[in-house]
Amino acid sequence: CVGGVMIGRKAGTKLSGKASILGGVILILIGIEIFVSNMIR
């Protein structure tokens, strides 16, 4: 967990704009996956 935070901070300073967009897209995809899997059941 701590390693991920440290890597995220280093990558975040270099790719701050792109990282936030990518993070948002990933969260949306995870939400869609959960929604679809619950609808199928």
PDB file of N, CA and C in Angstrom:
ATOM      1  N   CYS A   1       0.824  -1.193   0.000  1.00  0.00           N
ATOM      2  CA  CYS A   1       0.000   0.000   0.000  1.00  0.00           C
ATOM      3  C   CYS A   1       0.871   1.261   0.000  1.00  0.00           C
ATOM      4  N   VAL A   2       1.854   1.291   0.876  1.00  0.00           N
ATOM      5  CA  VAL A   2       2.722   2.466   0.969  1.00  0.00           C
ATOM      6  C   VAL A   2       3.511   2.636  -0.317  1.00  0.00           C
ATOM      7  N   GLY A   3       3.983   1.519  -0.878  1.00  0.00           N
ATOM      8  CA  GLY A   3       4.724   1.581  -2.141  1.00  0.00           C
ATOM      9  C   GLY A   3       3.868   2.135  -3.263  1.00  0.00           C
ATOM     10  N   GLY A   4       2.609   1.727  -3.289  1.00  0.00           N
ATOM     11  CA  GLY A   4       1.699   2.232  -4.313  1.00  0.00           C
ATOM     12  C   GLY A   4       1.479   3.724  -4.193  1.00  0.00           C
ATOM     13  N   VAL A   5       1.385   4.204  -2.971  1.00  0.00           N
ATOM     14  CA  VAL A   5       1.211   5.645  -2.754  1.00  0.00           C
ATOM     15  C   VAL A   5       2.446   6.403  -3.219  1.00  0.00           C
ATOM     16  N   MET A   6       3.627   5.876  -2.902  1.00  0.00           N
ATOM     17  CA  MET A   6       4.864   6.552  -3.308  1.00  0.00           C
ATOM     18  C   MET A   6       4.996   6.582  -4.827  1.00  0.00           C
ATOM     19  N   ILE A   7       4.704   5.449  -5.475  1.00  0.00           N
ATOM     20  CA  ILE A   7       4.768   5.399  -6.943  1.00  0.00           C
ATOM     21  C   ILE A   7       3.725   6.346  -7.535  1.00  0.00           C
ATOM     22  N   GLY A   8       2.538   6.355  -6.945  1.00  0.00           N
ATOM     23  CA  GLY A   8       1.475   7.228  -7.433  1.00  0.00           C
ATOM     24  C   GLY A   8       1.836   8.697  -7.330  1.00  0.00           C
ATOM     25  N   ARG A   9       2.515   9.082  -6.256  1.00  0.00           N
ATOM     26  CA  ARG A   9       2.920  10.481  -6.110  1.00  0.00           C
ATOM     27  C   ARG A   9       3.956  10.858  -7.154  1.00  0.00           C
ATOM     28  N   LYS A  10       4.930   9.967  -7.406  1.00  0.00           N
ATOM     29  CA  LYS A  10       5.953  10.268  -8.413  1.00  0.00           C
ATOM     30  C   LYS A  10       5.331  10.330  -9.807  1.00  0.00           C
ATOM     31  N   ALA A  11       4.473   9.375 -10.129  1.00  0.00           N
ATOM     32  CA  ALA A  11       3.827   9.362 -11.440  1.00  0.00           C
ATOM     33  C   ALA A  11       2.838  10.519 -11.550  1.00  0.00           C
ATOM     34  N   GLY A  12       2.188  10.857 -10.445  1.00  0.00           N
ATOM     35  CA  GLY A  12       1.195  11.923 -10.452  1.00  0.00           C
ATOM     36  C   GLY A  12       1.797  13.280 -10.742  1.00  0.00           C
ATOM     37  N   THR A  13       3.005  13.528 -10.270  1.00  0.00           N
ATOM     38  CA  THR A  13       3.624  14.823 -10.539  1.00  0.00           C
ATOM     39  C   THR A  13       3.986  14.953 -12.011  1.00  0.00           C
ATOM     40  N   LYS A  14       4.336  13.839 -12.649  1.00  0.00           N
ATOM     41  CA  LYS A  14       4.703  13.888 -14.069  1.00  0.00           C
ATOM     42  C   LYS A  14       3.469  13.874 -14.970  1.00  0.00           C
ATOM     43  N   LEU A  15       2.440  13.137 -14.572  1.00  0.00           N
ATOM     44  CA  LEU A  15       1.269  12.947 -15.428  1.00  0.00           C
ATOM     45  C   LEU A  15      -0.005  13.401 -14.720  1.00  0.00           C
ATOM     46  N   SER A  16       0.054  14.543 -14.049  1.00  0.00           N
ATOM     47  CA  SER A  16      -1.058  14.938 -13.186  1.00  0.00           C
ATOM     48  C   SER A  16      -2.386  15.013 -13.942  1.00  0.00           C
ATOM     49  N   GLY A  17      -2.401  15.656 -15.099  1.00  0.00           N
ATOM     50  CA  GLY A  17      -3.646  15.772 -15.849  1.00  0.00           C
ATOM     51  C   GLY A  17      -4.100  14.447 -16.414  1.00  0.00           C
ATOM     52  N   LYS A  18      -3.176  13.741 -17.044  1.00  0.00           N
ATOM     53  CA  LYS A  18      -3.525  12.461 -17.649  1.00  0.00           C
ATOM     54  C   LYS A  18      -3.871  11.428 -16.591  1.00  0.00           C
ATOM     55  N   ALA A  19      -3.180  11.461 -15.457  1.00  0.00           N
ATOM     56  CA  ALA A  19      -3.431  10.482 -14.399  1.00  0.00           C
ATOM     57  C   ALA A  19      -4.832  10.646 -13.829  1.00  0.00           C
ATOM     58  N   SER A  20      -5.278  11.881 -13.652  1.00  0.00           N
ATOM     59  CA  SER A  20      -6.617  12.089 -13.099  1.00  0.00           C
ATOM     60  C   SER A  20      -7.687  11.634 -14.084  1.00  0.00           C
ATOM     61  N   ILE A  21      -7.473  11.885 -15.364  1.00  0.00           N
ATOM     62  CA  ILE A  21      -8.420  11.425 -16.380  1.00  0.00           C
ATOM     63  C   ILE A  21      -8.443   9.903 -16.414  1.00  0.00           C
ATOM     64  N   LEU A  22      -7.251   9.296 -16.406  1.00  0.00           N
ATOM     65  CA  LEU A  22      -7.164   7.836 -16.438  1.00  0.00           C
ATOM     66  C   LEU A  22      -7.815   7.233 -15.197  1.00  0.00           C
ATOM     67  N   GLY A  23      -7.589   7.834 -14.042  1.00  0.00           N
ATOM     68  CA  GLY A  23      -8.209   7.338 -12.816  1.00  0.00           C
ATOM     69  C   GLY A  23      -9.722   7.407 -12.881  1.00  0.00           C
ATOM     70  N   GLY A  24     -10.248   8.486 -13.423  1.00  0.00           N
ATOM     71  CA  GLY A  24     -11.692   8.613 -13.577  1.00  0.00           C
ATOM     72  C   GLY A  24     -12.261   7.572 -14.510  1.00  0.00           C
ATOM     73  N   VAL A  25     -11.573   7.322 -15.613  1.00  0.00           N
ATOM     74  CA  VAL A  25     -12.023   6.308 -16.571  1.00  0.00           C
ATOM     75  C   VAL A  25     -12.019   4.933 -15.916  1.00  0.00           C
ATOM     76  N   ILE A  26     -10.967   4.632 -15.160  1.00  0.00           N
ATOM     77  CA  ILE A  26     -10.884   3.330 -14.494  1.00  0.00           C
ATOM     78  C   ILE A  26     -12.023   3.172 -13.489  1.00  0.00           C
ATOM     79  N   LEU A  27     -12.315   4.225 -12.721  1.00  0.00           N
ATOM     80  CA  LEU A  27     -13.412   4.144 -11.755  1.00  0.00           C
ATOM     81  C   LEU A  27     -14.749   3.937 -12.455  1.00  0.00           C
ATOM     82  N   ILE A  28     -14.961   4.614 -13.584  1.00  0.00           N
ATOM     83  CA  ILE A  28     -16.204   4.450 -14.336  1.00  0.00           C
ATOM     84  C   ILE A  28     -16.322   3.019 -14.847  1.00  0.00           C
ATOM     85  N   LEU A  29     -15.218   2.467 -15.383  1.00  0.00           N
ATOM     86  CA  LEU A  29     -15.249   1.093 -15.888  1.00  0.00           C
ATOM     87  C   LEU A  29     -15.537   0.100 -14.767  1.00  0.00           C
ATOM     88  N   ILE A  30     -14.946   0.306 -13.598  1.00  0.00           N
ATOM     89  CA  ILE A  30     -15.213  -0.583 -12.464  1.00  0.00           C
ATOM     90  C   ILE A  30     -16.687  -0.493 -12.069  1.00  0.00           C
ATOM     91  N   GLY A  31     -17.231   0.715 -12.040  1.00  0.00           N
ATOM     92  CA  GLY A  31     -18.639   0.894 -11.708  1.00  0.00           C
ATOM     93  C   GLY A  31     -19.553   0.209 -12.706  1.00  0.00           C
ATOM     94  N   ILE A  32     -19.243   0.319 -13.998  1.00  0.00           N
ATOM     95  CA  ILE A  32     -20.045  -0.339 -15.035  1.00  0.00           C
ATOM     96  C   ILE A  32     -19.975  -1.852 -14.869  1.00  0.00           C
ATOM     97  N   GLU A  33     -18.774  -2.370 -14.586  1.00  0.00           N
ATOM     98  CA  GLU A  33     -18.612  -3.816 -14.410  1.00  0.00           C
ATOM     99  C   GLU A  33     -19.449  -4.321 -13.240  1.00  0.00           C
ATOM    100  N   ILE A  34     -19.434  -3.598 -12.126  1.00  0.00           N
ATOM    101  CA  ILE A  34     -20.228  -3.995 -10.959  1.00  0.00           C
ATOM    102  C   ILE A  34     -21.715  -3.931 -11.287  1.00  0.00           C
ATOM    103  N   PHE A  35     -22.138  -2.866 -11.958  1.00  0.00           N
ATOM    104  CA  PHE A  35     -23.547  -2.705 -12.319  1.00  0.00           C
ATOM    105  C   PHE A  35     -24.019  -3.845 -13.208  1.00  0.00           C
ATOM    106  N   VAL A  36     -23.231  -4.160 -14.244  1.00  0.00           N
ATOM    107  CA  VAL A  36     -23.614  -5.215 -15.190  1.00  0.00           C
ATOM    108  C   VAL A  36     -23.651  -6.572 -14.492  1.00  0.00           C
ATOM    109  N   SER A  37     -22.649  -6.850 -13.657  1.00  0.00           N
ATOM    110  CA  SER A  37     -22.620  -8.153 -12.983  1.00  0.00           C
ATOM    111  C   SER A  37     -23.804  -8.299 -12.026  1.00  0.00           C
ATOM    112  N   ASN A  38     -24.259  -7.210 -11.419  1.00  0.00           N
ATOM    113  CA  ASN A  38     -25.425  -7.284 -10.542  1.00  0.00           C
ATOM    114  C   ASN A  38     -26.715  -7.404 -11.339  1.00  0.00           C
ATOM    115  N   MET A  39     -26.778  -6.830 -12.524  1.00  0.00           N
ATOM    116  CA  MET A  39     -27.982  -6.932 -13.344  1.00  0.00           C
ATOM    117  C   MET A  39     -28.144  -8.336 -13.916  1.00  0.00           C
ATOM    118  N   ILE A  40     -27.029  -9.012 -14.202  1.00  0.00           N
ATOM    119  CA  ILE A  40     -27.094 -10.359 -14.782  1.00  0.00           C
ATOM    120  C   ILE A  40     -27.638 -11.353 -13.758  1.00  0.00           C
ATOM    121  N   ARG A  41     -27.261 -11.190 -12.498  1.00  0.00           N
ATOM    122  CA  ARG A  41     -27.747 -12.103 -11.462  1.00  0.00           C
ATOM    123  C   ARG A  41     -29.206 -11.933 -11.333  1.00  0.00           C
TER     124      ARG A  41
END
